[in-house]
C-alpha atoms as a PDB file:
ATOM      1  CA  UNK A   1      17.560 -18.502  13.327  1.00  0.00           C
ATOM      2  CA  UNK A   2      17.197 -16.265  10.282  1.00  0.00           C
ATOM      3  CA  UNK A   3      14.423 -16.827   7.771  1.00  0.00           C
ATOM      4  CA  UNK A   4      15.321 -17.175   4.109  1.00  0.00           C
ATOM      5  CA  UNK A   5      12.809 -16.222   1.447  1.00  0.00           C
ATOM      6  CA  UNK A   6      12.851 -17.031  -2.275  1.00  0.00           C
ATOM      7  CA  UNK A   7      12.454 -13.378  -3.293  1.00  0.00           C
ATOM      8  CA  UNK A   8      14.112 -11.423  -0.480  1.00  0.00           C
ATOM      9  CA  UNK A   9      16.872 -13.802   0.567  1.00  0.00           C
ATOM     10  CA  UNK A  10      17.909 -13.827   4.217  1.00  0.00           C
ATOM     11  CA  UNK A  11      15.545 -11.801   6.383  1.00  0.00           C
ATOM     12  CA  UNK A  12      16.779  -9.804   9.341  1.00  0.00           C
ATOM     13  CA  UNK A  13      18.890  -7.307   7.483  1.00  0.00           C
ATOM     14  CA  UNK A  14      17.829  -4.245   5.576  1.00  0.00           C
ATOM     15  CA  UNK A  15      16.617  -5.128   2.058  1.00  0.00           C
ATOM     16  CA  UNK A  16      16.263  -2.505  -0.670  1.00  0.00           C
ATOM     17  CA  UNK A  17      15.911  -2.569  -4.432  1.00  0.00           C
ATOM     18  CA  UNK A  18      14.981  -0.182  -7.249  1.00  0.00           C
ATOM     19  CA  UNK A  19      11.920  -1.461  -9.091  1.00  0.00           C
ATOM     20  CA  UNK A  20      10.264  -0.307 -12.304  1.00  0.00           C
ATOM     21  CA  UNK A  21       6.584   0.432 -11.839  1.00  0.00           C
ATOM     22  CA  UNK A  22       5.237   1.572 -15.172  1.00  0.00           C
ATOM     23  CA  UNK A  23       7.254   4.640 -16.132  1.00  0.00           C
ATOM     24  CA  UNK A  24       8.601   5.146 -12.606  1.00  0.00           C
ATOM     25  CA  UNK A  25      11.763   3.956 -10.871  1.00  0.00           C
ATOM     26  CA  UNK A  26      10.747   3.270  -7.263  1.00  0.00           C
ATOM     27  CA  UNK A  27      12.849   2.475  -4.215  1.00  0.00           C
ATOM     28  CA  UNK A  28      11.335  -0.528  -2.428  1.00  0.00           C
ATOM     29  CA  UNK A  29      12.462  -1.286   1.119  1.00  0.00           C
ATOM     30  CA  UNK A  30      11.629  -4.299   3.268  1.00  0.00           C
ATOM     31  CA  UNK A  31      11.817  -3.943   7.028  1.00  0.00           C
ATOM     32  CA  UNK A  32      11.134  -7.207   8.849  1.00  0.00           C
ATOM     33  CA  UNK A  33      12.298  -9.173  11.840  1.00  0.00           C
ATOM     34  CA  UNK A  34      13.957 -12.495  11.138  1.00  0.00           C
ATOM     35  CA  UNK A  35      10.981 -14.356  12.648  1.00  0.00           C
ATOM     36  CA  UNK A  36       8.450 -12.819  10.233  1.00  0.00           C
ATOM     37  CA  UNK A  37       5.849 -15.207   8.810  1.00  0.00           C
ATOM     38  CA  UNK A  38       6.715 -16.555   5.367  1.00  0.00           C
ATOM     39  CA  UNK A  39       3.140 -15.952   4.184  1.00  0.00           C
ATOM     40  CA  UNK A  40       3.578 -12.235   4.933  1.00  0.00           C
ATOM     41  CA  UNK A  41       6.819 -12.196   2.950  1.00  0.00           C
ATOM     42  CA  UNK A  42       4.994 -13.855   0.061  1.00  0.00           C
ATOM     43  CA  UNK A  43       2.369 -11.088   0.154  1.00  0.00           C
ATOM     44  CA  UNK A  44       5.126  -8.444   0.209  1.00  0.00           C
ATOM     45  CA  UNK A  45       6.804 -10.058  -2.817  1.00  0.00           C
ATOM     46  CA  UNK A  46       3.458 -10.172  -4.633  1.00  0.00           C
ATOM     47  CA  UNK A  47       2.919  -6.472  -3.873  1.00  0.00           C
ATOM     48  CA  UNK A  48       6.211  -5.670  -5.574  1.00  0.00           C
ATOM     49  CA  UNK A  49       4.939  -7.461  -8.662  1.00  0.00           C
ATOM     50  CA  UNK A  50       1.706  -5.469  -8.432  1.00  0.00           C
ATOM     51  CA  UNK A  51       3.225  -2.022  -7.785  1.00  0.00           C
ATOM     52  CA  UNK A  52       1.732  -0.479 -10.900  1.00  0.00           C
ATOM     53  CA  UNK A  53      -1.809  -1.611  -9.995  1.00  0.00           C
ATOM     54  CA  UNK A  54      -1.413  -0.666  -6.330  1.00  0.00           C
ATOM     55  CA  UNK A  55      -0.087   2.747  -7.380  1.00  0.00           C
ATOM     56  CA  UNK A  56      -3.215   3.279  -9.501  1.00  0.00           C
ATOM     57  CA  UNK A  57      -5.424   2.236  -6.560  1.00  0.00           C
ATOM     58  CA  UNK A  58      -3.650   4.665  -4.226  1.00  0.00           C
ATOM     59  CA  UNK A  59      -4.036   7.516  -6.712  1.00  0.00           C
ATOM     60  CA  UNK A  60      -7.766   6.737  -6.935  1.00  0.00           C
ATOM     61  CA  UNK A  61      -8.004   7.028  -3.151  1.00  0.00           C
ATOM     62  CA  UNK A  62      -6.317  10.445  -3.391  1.00  0.00           C
ATOM     63  CA  UNK A  63      -8.921  11.506  -5.957  1.00  0.00           C
ATOM     64  CA  UNK A  64     -11.668  10.244  -3.657  1.00  0.00           C
ATOM     65  CA  UNK A  65     -10.371  12.520  -0.902  1.00  0.00           C
ATOM     66  CA  UNK A  66     -10.684  15.669  -3.012  1.00  0.00           C
ATOM     67  CA  UNK A  67     -14.318  16.133  -1.986  1.00  0.00           C
ATOM     68  CA  UNK A  68     -13.243  16.467   1.655  1.00  0.00           C
ATOM     69  CA  UNK A  69     -11.886  19.939   2.268  1.00  0.00           C
ATOM     70  CA  UNK A  70      -9.833  18.909   5.288  1.00  0.00           C
ATOM     71  CA  UNK A  71      -8.387  15.720   3.820  1.00  0.00           C
ATOM     72  CA  UNK A  72      -4.669  15.007   3.610  1.00  0.00           C
ATOM     73  CA  UNK A  73      -4.860  15.205  -0.182  1.00  0.00           C
ATOM     74  CA  UNK A  74      -6.493  18.655  -0.012  1.00  0.00           C
ATOM     75  CA  UNK A  75      -3.843  19.814   2.481  1.00  0.00           C
ATOM     76  CA  UNK A  76      -1.081  18.530   0.187  1.00  0.00           C
ATOM     77  CA  UNK A  77      -2.518  20.406  -2.803  1.00  0.00           C
ATOM     78  CA  UNK A  78      -2.966  23.591  -0.739  1.00  0.00           C
ATOM     79  CA  UNK A  79       0.635  23.339   0.484  1.00  0.00           C
ATOM     80  CA  UNK A  80       1.826  22.899  -3.077  1.00  0.00           C
ATOM     81  CA  UNK A  81      -0.067  25.992  -4.258  1.00  0.00           C
ATOM     82  CA  UNK A  82       1.242  28.033  -1.298  1.00  0.00           C
ATOM     83  CA  UNK A  83       4.895  27.010  -1.630  1.00  0.00           C
ATOM     84  CA  UNK A  84       5.529  26.435  -5.336  1.00  0.00           C
ATOM     85  CA  UNK A  85       5.106  28.980  -8.119  1.00  0.00           C
ATOM     86  CA  UNK A  86       2.559  28.239 -10.848  1.00  0.00           C
ATOM     87  CA  UNK A  87       5.219  27.868 -13.553  1.00  0.00           C
ATOM     88  CA  UNK A  88       6.996  25.107 -11.621  1.00  0.00           C
ATOM     89  CA  UNK A  89       3.682  23.321 -11.079  1.00  0.00           C
ATOM     90  CA  UNK A  90       2.901  23.588 -14.798  1.00  0.00           C
ATOM     91  CA  UNK A  91       6.326  22.139 -15.652  1.00  0.00           C
ATOM     92  CA  UNK A  92       5.747  19.215 -13.279  1.00  0.00           C
ATOM     93  CA  UNK A  93       2.411  18.225 -14.782  1.00  0.00           C
ATOM     94  CA  UNK A  94       2.924  15.307 -17.133  1.00  0.00           C
ATOM     95  CA  UNK A  95      -0.702  14.354 -17.748  1.00  0.00           C
ATOM     96  CA  UNK A  96      -3.006  17.232 -18.643  1.00  0.00           C
ATOM     97  CA  UNK A  97      -6.776  16.887 -18.512  1.00  0.00           C
ATOM     98  CA  UNK A  98      -7.758  20.465 -17.757  1.00  0.00           C
ATOM     99  CA  UNK A  99      -8.476  19.711 -14.089  1.00  0.00           C
ATOM    100  CA  UNK A 100      -5.368  21.025 -12.313  1.00  0.00           C
ATOM    101  CA  UNK A 101      -5.857  19.037  -9.090  1.00  0.00           C
ATOM    102  CA  UNK A 102      -6.340  15.794 -11.014  1.00  0.00           C
ATOM    103  CA  UNK A 103      -3.337  16.604 -13.189  1.00  0.00           C
ATOM    104  CA  UNK A 104      -1.133  17.102 -10.117  1.00  0.00           C
ATOM    105  CA  UNK A 105      -2.305  13.813  -8.581  1.00  0.00           C
ATOM    106  CA  UNK A 106      -1.692  11.950 -11.831  1.00  0.00           C
ATOM    107  CA  UNK A 107       1.776  13.512 -12.085  1.00  0.00           C
ATOM    108  CA  UNK A 108       2.926  12.581  -8.579  1.00  0.00           C
ATOM    109  CA  UNK A 109       6.176  10.655  -8.371  1.00  0.00           C
ATOM    110  CA  UNK A 110       6.045   7.436  -6.368  1.00  0.00           C
ATOM    111  CA  UNK A 111       9.385   7.769  -4.595  1.00  0.00           C
ATOM    112  CA  UNK A 112       9.441   4.906  -2.145  1.00  0.00           C
ATOM    113  CA  UNK A 113       7.503   1.906  -0.913  1.00  0.00           C
ATOM    114  CA  UNK A 114       8.220   0.561   2.582  1.00  0.00           C
ATOM    115  CA  UNK A 115       7.052  -2.997   3.137  1.00  0.00           C
ATOM    116  CA  UNK A 116       6.470  -4.020   6.751  1.00  0.00           C
ATOM    117  CA  UNK A 117       5.390  -7.671   6.707  1.00  0.00           C
ATOM    118  CA  UNK A 118       5.440  -7.881  10.509  1.00  0.00           C
ATOM    119  CA  UNK A 119       2.300  -5.688  10.395  1.00  0.00           C
ATOM    120  CA  UNK A 120      -0.028  -8.307   8.952  1.00  0.00           C
ATOM    121  CA  UNK A 121      -3.244  -7.528  10.820  1.00  0.00           C
ATOM    122  CA  UNK A 122      -6.287  -5.724   9.469  1.00  0.00           C
ATOM    123  CA  UNK A 123      -5.821  -1.941   9.305  1.00  0.00           C
ATOM    124  CA  UNK A 124      -2.080  -2.221  10.063  1.00  0.00           C
ATOM    125  CA  UNK A 125       0.571  -0.458   7.960  1.00  0.00           C
ATOM    126  CA  UNK A 126       1.776  -3.364   5.821  1.00  0.00           C
ATOM    127  CA  UNK A 127       2.977  -1.070   3.014  1.00  0.00           C
ATOM    128  CA  UNK A 128       3.653   2.665   2.945  1.00  0.00           C
ATOM    129  CA  UNK A 129       3.690   4.494  -0.406  1.00  0.00           C
ATOM    130  CA  UNK A 130       5.446   7.890  -0.447  1.00  0.00           C
ATOM    131  CA  UNK A 131       4.600  10.394  -3.205  1.00  0.00           C
ATOM    132  CA  UNK A 132       6.035  13.775  -4.162  1.00  0.00           C
ATOM    133  CA  UNK A 133       5.407  16.473  -6.728  1.00  0.00           C
ATOM    134  CA  UNK A 134       8.383  18.521  -7.935  1.00  0.00           C
ATOM    135  CA  UNK A 135      10.520  17.088  -5.091  1.00  0.00           C
ATOM    136  CA  UNK A 136      13.346  19.564  -5.763  1.00  0.00           C
ATOM    137  CA  UNK A 137      10.980  22.494  -5.194  1.00  0.00           C
ATOM    138  CA  UNK A 138       8.446  21.156  -2.679  1.00  0.00           C
ATOM    139  CA  UNK A 139       9.256  19.151   0.459  1.00  0.00           C
ATOM    140  CA  UNK A 140       5.674  18.028   1.024  1.00  0.00           C
ATOM    141  CA  UNK A 141       4.894  14.332   0.746  1.00  0.00           C
ATOM    142  CA  UNK A 142       1.607  12.525   0.338  1.00  0.00           C
ATOM    143  CA  UNK A 143       1.859   9.178   2.112  1.00  0.00           C
ATOM    144  CA  UNK A 144      -0.608   6.312   1.782  1.00  0.00           C
ATOM    145  CA  UNK A 145      -0.741   3.321   4.104  1.00  0.00           C
ATOM    146  CA  UNK A 146      -1.972  -0.028   2.794  1.00  0.00           C
ATOM    147  CA  UNK A 147      -2.952  -3.099   4.776  1.00  0.00           C
ATOM    148  CA  UNK A 148      -1.970  -6.678   3.956  1.00  0.00           C
ATOM    149  CA  UNK A 149      -4.889  -6.885   1.491  1.00  0.00           C
ATOM    150  CA  UNK A 150      -3.615  -3.888  -0.481  1.00  0.00           C
ATOM    151  CA  UNK A 151      -6.438  -1.640   0.700  1.00  0.00           C
ATOM    152  CA  UNK A 152      -5.647   1.992   1.504  1.00  0.00           C
ATOM    153  CA  UNK A 153      -6.213   2.426   5.242  1.00  0.00           C
ATOM    154  CA  UNK A 154      -4.738   5.892   5.678  1.00  0.00           C
ATOM    155  CA  UNK A 155      -3.496   8.968   3.840  1.00  0.00           C
ATOM    156  CA  UNK A 156      -1.255  11.566   5.436  1.00  0.00           C
ATOM    157  CA  UNK A 157       0.309  14.840   4.334  1.00  0.00           C
ATOM    158  CA  UNK A 158       3.870  15.251   5.560  1.00  0.00           C
ATOM    159  CA  UNK A 159       5.349  18.721   5.265  1.00  0.00           C
END
């Protein structure tokens, strides 16, 4: 029997909606089996309401990775520099501080959030945030995985 949720409606089908998160229009997708726990769906709905805060937390985790030369964030920035001309990068920067790496991270577009409420254990991918910079010019994506508590548990560079 299908589960019905106050926010998502009937669970078991693909659910998608465009959501405003600050100054961004983000595609939010829910992928869940019909026997998913209602408490997990409630957390997913709450995350949608908290997208702006979660986005800020994810960006802070990207900044925290800058000190690690081999981190996914460093690889993303290196790929951007290698594949996109400086003028295009300058045009894509919306928040200038003088620190180019920080400016790029602050100017990332949050394209999509995948919610996976079936993954409700510690360290599991409950939510996946996909970011891009100049998506028409650079195919690279910086992807952050959050657990059910909203903590970043992984960052990956996808080229």
